PDB file of N, CA and C in Angstrom:
ATOM      1  N   UNK A   1     -21.226  31.990  61.102  1.00  0.00           N
ATOM      2  CA  UNK A   1     -20.949  30.701  60.576  1.00  0.00           C
ATOM      3  C   UNK A   1     -21.643  29.638  61.430  1.00  0.00           C
ATOM      4  N   UNK A   2     -22.197  28.610  60.758  1.00  0.00           N
ATOM      5  CA  UNK A   2     -22.902  27.512  61.425  1.00  0.00           C
ATOM      6  C   UNK A   2     -21.927  26.361  61.560  1.00  0.00           C
ATOM      7  N   UNK A   3     -21.892  25.791  62.746  1.00  0.00           N
ATOM      8  CA  UNK A   3     -21.050  24.594  62.970  1.00  0.00           C
ATOM      9  C   UNK A   3     -21.940  23.415  63.328  1.00  0.00           C
ATOM     10  N   UNK A   4     -21.748  22.312  62.554  1.00  0.00           N
ATOM     11  CA  UNK A   4     -22.545  21.086  62.885  1.00  0.00           C
ATOM     12  C   UNK A   4     -21.531  20.033  63.313  1.00  0.00           C
ATOM     13  N   UNK A   5     -21.845  19.463  64.470  1.00  0.00           N
ATOM     14  CA  UNK A   5     -21.011  18.342  64.927  1.00  0.00           C
ATOM     15  C   UNK A   5     -21.873  17.070  64.982  1.00  0.00           C
ATOM     16  N   UNK A   6     -21.182  16.000  64.573  1.00  0.00           N
ATOM     17  CA  UNK A   6     -21.881  14.743  64.530  1.00  0.00           C
ATOM     18  C   UNK A   6     -20.999  13.660  65.139  1.00  0.00           C
ATOM     19  N   UNK A   7     -21.500  12.953  66.076  1.00  0.00           N
ATOM     20  CA  UNK A   7     -20.702  11.896  66.678  1.00  0.00           C
ATOM     21  C   UNK A   7     -20.935  10.569  65.883  1.00  0.00           C
ATOM     22  N   UNK A   8     -19.929  10.236  65.133  1.00  0.00           N
ATOM     23  CA  UNK A   8     -20.086   9.101  64.270  1.00  0.00           C
ATOM     24  C   UNK A   8     -19.370   7.835  64.801  1.00  0.00           C
ATOM     25  N   UNK A   9     -19.047   7.841  66.037  1.00  0.00           N
ATOM     26  CA  UNK A   9     -18.337   6.646  66.599  1.00  0.00           C
ATOM     27  C   UNK A   9     -19.157   5.369  66.473  1.00  0.00           C
ATOM     28  N   UNK A  10     -20.464   5.467  66.703  1.00  0.00           N
ATOM     29  CA  UNK A  10     -21.294   4.235  66.629  1.00  0.00           C
ATOM     30  C   UNK A  10     -21.366   3.692  65.188  1.00  0.00           C
ATOM     31  N   UNK A  11     -21.404   4.654  64.236  1.00  0.00           N
ATOM     32  CA  UNK A  11     -21.438   4.223  62.861  1.00  0.00           C
ATOM     33  C   UNK A  11     -20.088   3.622  62.398  1.00  0.00           C
ATOM     34  N   UNK A  12     -19.032   4.265  62.840  1.00  0.00           N
ATOM     35  CA  UNK A  12     -17.687   3.716  62.538  1.00  0.00           C
ATOM     36  C   UNK A  12     -17.461   2.342  63.140  1.00  0.00           C
ATOM     37  N   UNK A  13     -17.911   2.166  64.423  1.00  0.00           N
ATOM     38  CA  UNK A  13     -17.782   0.855  65.067  1.00  0.00           C
ATOM     39  C   UNK A  13     -18.564  -0.181  64.368  1.00  0.00           C
ATOM     40  N   UNK A  14     -19.787   0.139  63.949  1.00  0.00           N
ATOM     41  CA  UNK A  14     -20.662  -0.827  63.233  1.00  0.00           C
ATOM     42  C   UNK A  14     -20.039  -1.188  61.858  1.00  0.00           C
ATOM     43  N   UNK A  15     -19.469  -0.199  61.150  1.00  0.00           N
ATOM     44  CA  UNK A  15     -18.819  -0.488  59.859  1.00  0.00           C
ATOM     45  C   UNK A  15     -17.514  -1.284  60.045  1.00  0.00           C
ATOM     46  N   UNK A  16     -16.803  -1.038  61.086  1.00  0.00           N
ATOM     47  CA  UNK A  16     -15.603  -1.850  61.439  1.00  0.00           C
ATOM     48  C   UNK A  16     -15.966  -3.289  61.703  1.00  0.00           C
ATOM     49  N   UNK A  17     -17.036  -3.481  62.504  1.00  0.00           N
ATOM     50  CA  UNK A  17     -17.454  -4.838  62.844  1.00  0.00           C
ATOM     51  C   UNK A  17     -17.894  -5.571  61.577  1.00  0.00           C
ATOM     52  N   UNK A  18     -18.589  -4.861  60.676  1.00  0.00           N
ATOM     53  CA  UNK A  18     -19.042  -5.501  59.418  1.00  0.00           C
ATOM     54  C   UNK A  18     -17.823  -5.849  58.568  1.00  0.00           C
ATOM     55  N   UNK A  19     -16.825  -5.032  58.529  1.00  0.00           N
ATOM     56  CA  UNK A  19     -15.602  -5.268  57.747  1.00  0.00           C
ATOM     57  C   UNK A  19     -14.901  -6.489  58.291  1.00  0.00           C
ATOM     58  N   UNK A  20     -14.771  -6.591  59.665  1.00  0.00           N
ATOM     59  CA  UNK A  20     -14.104  -7.714  60.247  1.00  0.00           C
ATOM     60  C   UNK A  20     -14.862  -9.066  60.003  1.00  0.00           C
ATOM     61  N   UNK A  21     -16.158  -9.028  60.077  1.00  0.00           N
ATOM     62  CA  UNK A  21     -16.921 -10.259  59.928  1.00  0.00           C
ATOM     63  C   UNK A  21     -16.982 -10.688  58.424  1.00  0.00           C
ATOM     64  N   UNK A  22     -16.847  -9.757  57.578  1.00  0.00           N
ATOM     65  CA  UNK A  22     -16.854 -10.096  56.105  1.00  0.00           C
ATOM     66  C   UNK A  22     -15.448 -10.480  55.592  1.00  0.00           C
ATOM     67  N   UNK A  23     -14.402 -10.296  56.366  1.00  0.00           N
ATOM     68  CA  UNK A  23     -13.067 -10.592  55.889  1.00  0.00           C
ATOM     69  C   UNK A  23     -12.796 -12.059  55.779  1.00  0.00           C
ATOM     70  N   UNK A  24     -13.461 -12.891  56.602  1.00  0.00           N
ATOM     71  CA  UNK A  24     -13.225 -14.335  56.556  1.00  0.00           C
ATOM     72  C   UNK A  24     -14.589 -15.023  56.323  1.00  0.00           C
ATOM     73  N   UNK A  25     -14.811 -15.368  55.101  1.00  0.00           N
ATOM     74  CA  UNK A  25     -16.126 -15.964  54.747  1.00  0.00           C
ATOM     75  C   UNK A  25     -16.089 -17.493  54.852  1.00  0.00           C
ATOM     76  N   UNK A  26     -14.933 -18.096  55.358  1.00  0.00           N
ATOM     77  CA  UNK A  26     -14.922 -19.554  55.445  1.00  0.00           C
ATOM     78  C   UNK A  26     -16.058 -20.157  56.297  1.00  0.00           C
ATOM     79  N   UNK A  27     -16.326 -19.574  57.492  1.00  0.00           N
ATOM     80  CA  UNK A  27     -17.390 -20.211  58.237  1.00  0.00           C
ATOM     81  C   UNK A  27     -18.819 -20.218  57.521  1.00  0.00           C
ATOM     82  N   UNK A  28     -19.045 -19.106  56.824  1.00  0.00           N
ATOM     83  CA  UNK A  28     -20.291 -19.055  56.052  1.00  0.00           C
ATOM     84  C   UNK A  28     -20.293 -20.035  54.920  1.00  0.00           C
ATOM     85  N   UNK A  29     -19.198 -20.185  54.220  1.00  0.00           N
ATOM     86  CA  UNK A  29     -19.101 -21.110  53.063  1.00  0.00           C
ATOM     87  C   UNK A  29     -19.164 -22.583  53.585  1.00  0.00           C
ATOM     88  N   UNK A  30     -18.569 -22.899  54.724  1.00  0.00           N
ATOM     89  CA  UNK A  30     -18.647 -24.240  55.294  1.00  0.00           C
ATOM     90  C   UNK A  30     -20.108 -24.569  55.670  1.00  0.00           C
ATOM     91  N   UNK A  31     -20.785 -23.609  56.255  1.00  0.00           N
ATOM     92  CA  UNK A  31     -22.186 -23.766  56.613  1.00  0.00           C
ATOM     93  C   UNK A  31     -23.083 -24.004  55.400  1.00  0.00           C
ATOM     94  N   UNK A  32     -22.861 -23.225  54.322  1.00  0.00           N
ATOM     95  CA  UNK A  32     -23.600 -23.386  53.137  1.00  0.00           C
ATOM     96  C   UNK A  32     -23.351 -24.687  52.461  1.00  0.00           C
ATOM     97  N   UNK A  33     -22.102 -25.090  52.388  1.00  0.00           N
ATOM     98  CA  UNK A  33     -21.695 -26.434  51.832  1.00  0.00           C
ATOM     99  C   UNK A  33     -22.268 -27.567  52.575  1.00  0.00           C
ATOM    100  N   UNK A  34     -22.210 -27.563  53.849  1.00  0.00           N
ATOM    101  CA  UNK A  34     -22.729 -28.650  54.638  1.00  0.00           C
ATOM    102  C   UNK A  34     -24.267 -28.788  54.468  1.00  0.00           C
ATOM    103  N   UNK A  35     -24.926 -27.669  54.401  1.00  0.00           N
ATOM    104  CA  UNK A  35     -26.373 -27.726  54.175  1.00  0.00           C
ATOM    105  C   UNK A  35     -26.705 -28.266  52.745  1.00  0.00           C
ATOM    106  N   UNK A  36     -25.954 -27.888  51.722  1.00  0.00           N
ATOM    107  CA  UNK A  36     -26.128 -28.427  50.410  1.00  0.00           C
ATOM    108  C   UNK A  36     -25.881 -29.903  50.355  1.00  0.00           C
ATOM    109  N   UNK A  37     -24.797 -30.371  50.979  1.00  0.00           N
ATOM    110  CA  UNK A  37     -24.503 -31.796  51.000  1.00  0.00           C
ATOM    111  C   UNK A  37     -25.563 -32.585  51.725  1.00  0.00           C
ATOM    112  N   UNK A  38     -26.043 -32.108  52.865  1.00  0.00           N
ATOM    113  CA  UNK A  38     -27.107 -32.730  53.628  1.00  0.00           C
ATOM    114  C   UNK A  38     -28.388 -32.811  52.782  1.00  0.00           C
ATOM    115  N   UNK A  39     -28.771 -31.757  52.118  1.00  0.00           N
ATOM    116  CA  UNK A  39     -29.963 -31.694  51.317  1.00  0.00           C
ATOM    117  C   UNK A  39     -29.847 -32.713  50.159  1.00  0.00           C
ATOM    118  N   UNK A  40     -28.755 -32.785  49.490  1.00  0.00           N
ATOM    119  CA  UNK A  40     -28.572 -33.712  48.404  1.00  0.00           C
ATOM    120  C   UNK A  40     -28.619 -35.144  48.912  1.00  0.00           C
ATOM    121  N   UNK A  41     -27.947 -35.458  50.052  1.00  0.00           N
ATOM    122  CA  UNK A  41     -27.988 -36.784  50.648  1.00  0.00           C
ATOM    123  C   UNK A  41     -29.435 -37.177  50.972  1.00  0.00           C
ATOM    124  N   UNK A  42     -30.203 -36.306  51.550  1.00  0.00           N
ATOM    125  CA  UNK A  42     -31.554 -36.631  51.925  1.00  0.00           C
ATOM    126  C   UNK A  42     -32.428 -36.873  50.730  1.00  0.00           C
ATOM    127  N   UNK A  43     -32.312 -36.061  49.664  1.00  0.00           N
ATOM    128  CA  UNK A  43     -33.140 -36.260  48.497  1.00  0.00           C
ATOM    129  C   UNK A  43     -32.758 -37.602  47.771  1.00  0.00           C
ATOM    130  N   UNK A  44     -31.502 -37.951  47.772  1.00  0.00           N
ATOM    131  CA  UNK A  44     -31.103 -39.192  47.167  1.00  0.00           C
ATOM    132  C   UNK A  44     -31.624 -40.368  47.948  1.00  0.00           C
ATOM    133  N   UNK A  45     -31.597 -40.287  49.272  1.00  0.00           N
ATOM    134  CA  UNK A  45     -32.103 -41.369  50.116  1.00  0.00           C
ATOM    135  C   UNK A  45     -33.598 -41.530  49.851  1.00  0.00           C
ATOM    136  N   UNK A  46     -34.276 -40.459  49.591  1.00  0.00           N
ATOM    137  CA  UNK A  46     -35.720 -40.533  49.316  1.00  0.00           C
ATOM    138  C   UNK A  46     -36.057 -40.965  47.870  1.00  0.00           C
ATOM    139  N   UNK A  47     -34.956 -41.124  47.074  1.00  0.00           N
ATOM    140  CA  UNK A  47     -35.172 -41.475  45.681  1.00  0.00           C
ATOM    141  C   UNK A  47     -35.547 -40.329  44.762  1.00  0.00           C
ATOM    142  N   UNK A  48     -35.102 -39.196  45.167  1.00  0.00           N
ATOM    143  CA  UNK A  48     -35.411 -37.946  44.412  1.00  0.00           C
ATOM    144  C   UNK A  48     -34.161 -37.291  43.882  1.00  0.00           C
ATOM    145  N   UNK A  49     -34.286 -36.434  42.905  1.00  0.00           N
ATOM    146  CA  UNK A  49     -33.204 -35.648  42.471  1.00  0.00           C
ATOM    147  C   UNK A  49     -32.986 -34.488  43.424  1.00  0.00           C
ATOM    148  N   UNK A  50     -31.902 -33.761  43.428  1.00  0.00           N
ATOM    149  CA  UNK A  50     -31.707 -32.656  44.352  1.00  0.00           C
ATOM    150  C   UNK A  50     -32.785 -31.567  44.176  1.00  0.00           C
ATOM    151  N   UNK A  51     -33.582 -31.584  43.100  1.00  0.00           N
ATOM    152  CA  UNK A  51     -34.630 -30.635  42.859  1.00  0.00           C
ATOM    153  C   UNK A  51     -35.969 -31.162  43.325  1.00  0.00           C
ATOM    154  N   UNK A  52     -35.993 -32.397  43.882  1.00  0.00           N
ATOM    155  CA  UNK A  52     -37.224 -32.949  44.430  1.00  0.00           C
ATOM    156  C   UNK A  52     -38.021 -33.835  43.476  1.00  0.00           C
ATOM    157  N   UNK A  53     -37.530 -34.011  42.226  1.00  0.00           N
ATOM    158  CA  UNK A  53     -38.275 -34.834  41.274  1.00  0.00           C
ATOM    159  C   UNK A  53     -37.955 -36.309  41.531  1.00  0.00           C
ATOM    160  N   UNK A  54     -38.874 -37.212  41.240  1.00  0.00           N
ATOM    161  CA  UNK A  54     -38.611 -38.618  41.380  1.00  0.00           C
ATOM    162  C   UNK A  54     -37.597 -39.031  40.333  1.00  0.00           C
ATOM    163  N   UNK A  55     -36.691 -39.921  40.771  1.00  0.00           N
ATOM    164  CA  UNK A  55     -35.676 -40.438  39.824  1.00  0.00           C
ATOM    165  C   UNK A  55     -36.380 -41.362  38.832  1.00  0.00           C
ATOM    166  N   UNK A  56     -35.795 -41.449  37.619  1.00  0.00           N
ATOM    167  CA  UNK A  56     -36.346 -42.287  36.567  1.00  0.00           C
ATOM    168  C   UNK A  56     -36.240 -43.737  36.998  1.00  0.00           C
ATOM    169  N   UNK A  57     -37.168 -44.543  36.518  1.00  0.00           N
ATOM    170  CA  UNK A  57     -37.152 -45.998  36.861  1.00  0.00           C
ATOM    171  C   UNK A  57     -35.897 -46.630  36.294  1.00  0.00           C
ATOM    172  N   UNK A  58     -35.463 -47.674  36.988  1.00  0.00           N
ATOM    173  CA  UNK A  58     -34.236 -48.401  36.601  1.00  0.00           C
ATOM    174  C   UNK A  58     -34.576 -49.263  35.359  1.00  0.00           C
ATOM    175  N   UNK A  59     -33.594 -49.442  34.477  1.00  0.00           N
ATOM    176  CA  UNK A  59     -33.809 -50.221  33.287  1.00  0.00           C
ATOM    177  C   UNK A  59     -33.145 -51.598  33.475  1.00  0.00           C
ATOM    178  N   UNK A  60     -32.088 -51.748  34.261  1.00  0.00           N
ATOM    179  CA  UNK A  60     -31.347 -52.935  34.302  1.00  0.00           C
ATOM    180  C   UNK A  60     -31.653 -53.761  35.563  1.00  0.00           C
ATOM    181  N   UNK A  61     -32.317 -53.273  36.568  1.00  0.00           N
ATOM    182  CA  UNK A  61     -32.628 -53.966  37.786  1.00  0.00           C
ATOM    183  C   UNK A  61     -33.857 -53.380  38.383  1.00  0.00           C
ATOM    184  N   UNK A  62     -34.375 -54.069  39.411  1.00  0.00           N
ATOM    185  CA  UNK A  62     -35.565 -53.605  40.151  1.00  0.00           C
ATOM    186  C   UNK A  62     -35.159 -52.678  41.279  1.00  0.00           C
ATOM    187  N   UNK A  63     -36.027 -51.825  41.746  1.00  0.00           N
ATOM    188  CA  UNK A  63     -35.756 -51.008  42.898  1.00  0.00           C
ATOM    189  C   UNK A  63     -35.761 -49.567  42.604  1.00  0.00           C
ATOM    190  N   UNK A  64     -35.398 -48.772  43.568  1.00  0.00           N
ATOM    191  CA  UNK A  64     -35.371 -47.310  43.431  1.00  0.00           C
ATOM    192  C   UNK A  64     -33.887 -46.919  43.173  1.00  0.00           C
ATOM    193  N   UNK A  65     -33.609 -46.070  42.246  1.00  0.00           N
ATOM    194  CA  UNK A  65     -32.246 -45.670  41.964  1.00  0.00           C
ATOM    195  C   UNK A  65     -31.499 -45.196  43.188  1.00  0.00           C
ATOM    196  N   UNK A  66     -30.401 -45.714  43.464  1.00  0.00           N
ATOM    197  CA  UNK A  66     -29.473 -45.244  44.519  1.00  0.00           C
ATOM    198  C   UNK A  66     -30.000 -45.510  45.903  1.00  0.00           C
ATOM    199  N   UNK A  67     -31.207 -46.031  46.068  1.00  0.00           N
ATOM    200  CA  UNK A  67     -31.810 -46.140  47.353  1.00  0.00           C
ATOM    201  C   UNK A  67     -31.569 -47.513  47.938  1.00  0.00           C
ATOM    202  N   UNK A  68     -31.302 -48.540  47.110  1.00  0.00           N
ATOM    203  CA  UNK A  68     -31.183 -49.872  47.615  1.00  0.00           C
ATOM    204  C   UNK A  68     -29.903 -50.191  48.334  1.00  0.00           C
ATOM    205  N   UNK A  69     -28.752 -49.684  47.870  1.00  0.00           N
ATOM    206  CA  UNK A  69     -27.474 -50.069  48.430  1.00  0.00           C
ATOM    207  C   UNK A  69     -26.845 -49.048  49.333  1.00  0.00           C
ATOM    208  N   UNK A  70     -27.379 -47.814  49.263  1.00  0.00           N
ATOM    209  CA  UNK A  70     -26.772 -46.735  50.024  1.00  0.00           C
ATOM    210  C   UNK A  70     -25.280 -46.465  49.705  1.00  0.00           C
ATOM    211  N   UNK A  71     -24.787 -47.041  48.641  1.00  0.00           N
ATOM    212  CA  UNK A  71     -23.440 -46.842  48.183  1.00  0.00           C
ATOM    213  C   UNK A  71     -23.235 -45.390  47.783  1.00  0.00           C
ATOM    214  N   UNK A  72     -24.260 -44.697  47.394  1.00  0.00           N
ATOM    215  CA  UNK A  72     -24.163 -43.317  46.986  1.00  0.00           C
ATOM    216  C   UNK A  72     -23.644 -42.446  48.141  1.00  0.00           C
ATOM    217  N   UNK A  73     -24.056 -42.743  49.358  1.00  0.00           N
ATOM    218  CA  UNK A  73     -23.591 -41.915  50.481  1.00  0.00           C
ATOM    219  C   UNK A  73     -22.054 -42.081  50.625  1.00  0.00           C
ATOM    220  N   UNK A  74     -21.632 -43.316  50.508  1.00  0.00           N
ATOM    221  CA  UNK A  74     -20.137 -43.541  50.609  1.00  0.00           C
ATOM    222  C   UNK A  74     -19.441 -42.809  49.519  1.00  0.00           C
ATOM    223  N   UNK A  75     -19.917 -42.923  48.244  1.00  0.00           N
ATOM    224  CA  UNK A  75     -19.283 -42.239  47.168  1.00  0.00           C
ATOM    225  C   UNK A  75     -19.345 -40.741  47.265  1.00  0.00           C
ATOM    226  N   UNK A  76     -20.463 -40.192  47.809  1.00  0.00           N
ATOM    227  CA  UNK A  76     -20.541 -38.783  47.964  1.00  0.00           C
ATOM    228  C   UNK A  76     -19.600 -38.286  49.018  1.00  0.00           C
ATOM    229  N   UNK A  77     -19.468 -38.967  50.103  1.00  0.00           N
ATOM    230  CA  UNK A  77     -18.555 -38.546  51.179  1.00  0.00           C
ATOM    231  C   UNK A  77     -17.085 -38.724  50.760  1.00  0.00           C
ATOM    232  N   UNK A  78     -16.792 -39.657  49.872  1.00  0.00           N
ATOM    233  CA  UNK A  78     -15.415 -39.899  49.464  1.00  0.00           C
ATOM    234  C   UNK A  78     -15.035 -39.111  48.204  1.00  0.00           C
ATOM    235  N   UNK A  79     -15.994 -38.285  47.751  1.00  0.00           N
ATOM    236  CA  UNK A  79     -15.767 -37.608  46.448  1.00  0.00           C
ATOM    237  C   UNK A  79     -14.872 -36.368  46.585  1.00  0.00           C
ATOM    238  N   UNK A  80     -14.444 -36.070  47.787  1.00  0.00           N
ATOM    239  CA  UNK A  80     -13.677 -34.882  47.977  1.00  0.00           C
ATOM    240  C   UNK A  80     -14.316 -33.739  48.618  1.00  0.00           C
ATOM    241  N   UNK A  81     -15.627 -33.888  48.902  1.00  0.00           N
ATOM    242  CA  UNK A  81     -16.359 -32.843  49.628  1.00  0.00           C
ATOM    243  C   UNK A  81     -15.917 -32.889  51.050  1.00  0.00           C
ATOM    244  N   UNK A  82     -15.445 -31.765  51.509  1.00  0.00           N
ATOM    245  CA  UNK A  82     -14.956 -31.722  52.857  1.00  0.00           C
ATOM    246  C   UNK A  82     -15.759 -30.714  53.701  1.00  0.00           C
ATOM    247  N   UNK A  83     -16.125 -31.098  54.876  1.00  0.00           N
ATOM    248  CA  UNK A  83     -16.835 -30.228  55.747  1.00  0.00           C
ATOM    249  C   UNK A  83     -16.059 -30.053  56.998  1.00  0.00           C
ATOM    250  N   UNK A  84     -15.962 -28.873  57.515  1.00  0.00           N
ATOM    251  CA  UNK A  84     -15.264 -28.621  58.757  1.00  0.00           C
ATOM    252  C   UNK A  84     -16.249 -28.023  59.712  1.00  0.00           C
ATOM    253  N   UNK A  85     -16.069 -28.317  60.998  1.00  0.00           N
ATOM    254  CA  UNK A  85     -17.015 -27.713  61.983  1.00  0.00           C
ATOM    255  C   UNK A  85     -16.893 -26.233  62.083  1.00  0.00           C
TER     256      UNK A  85
END
């Protein structure tokens, strides 16, 4: 009879560490959310859509959409988007 022994402690420890790190996805979601909010804020400040396209010209006043008053930043931050460190 042939006996094969395999020390799987390292594999089990790696799998256990992966399971522990994947059990709480809040830090990853907070990081993703803050990057999305930052990206959207920066494109709006530059007068672009979140996809990088130029915003359409204004019909009722002069200027760049959302870029003149910076009111959009206040509204975006007050809209319920919450970021935690």
